[in-house]
Amino acid sequence: MKCSYIFRVEEGGMLRSILCCVSLLAFAGAVFAADFQGVPEYRTKRWCKEVANVSGDSKVIYDGCVRHEQSARDELMGSWSTLPIKTQRWCDEVAKASGPGSYSLLKYCVGEETASPEGATGHK
C-alpha cells in the first residue's frame, strides 16, 4: 500500500511520505517478527536437573539429557520457520507443560502435528 494514498502528499511533502512508509514498514516488521520467531528458548539445564533428580541426581542421566535436548533443538532449527504458527504455539505450550520446557517434547509434538494432514490435535 502506498503511503501517499493514506496521507495526501503535498508539494514538498516527500519527506512526510517517506517517514510514513518507514513507519508502516517498521510496524509490519514488528508484527511479523512477533509471529515468526525462532525455536523457543528453554532452560535445558534446569529441565535436565529435574530429570536427573528423579533418578537420584545422576550425572550420567543429566549429561545424556543435555545432549539429547541439544540434539532435538538442533534438528528443530532447520524446520521451525516452515511450521504453521498454530503448530509452533501449540507445541511450545505442550513442551512447557511439565516445567521449564523440553526440546525433546517439542520435537515429538511437532512430529505428531505434522504427521497427518489435519494435525494430531487439530492445531496444524
Foldseek 3Di string as FASTA:
>chain_A
DQVCVVPPQDVVNVVVSVVSVVVVVVVVVVVVCVQQDFQDDFPQQVVLQVVCVVVVNDPVSSVVSSVVQVVLSVVCRVCVRVDDSLQRVVLQCQQPVVHRGGSVSSSVQSCQQPVDPCGNVNSD
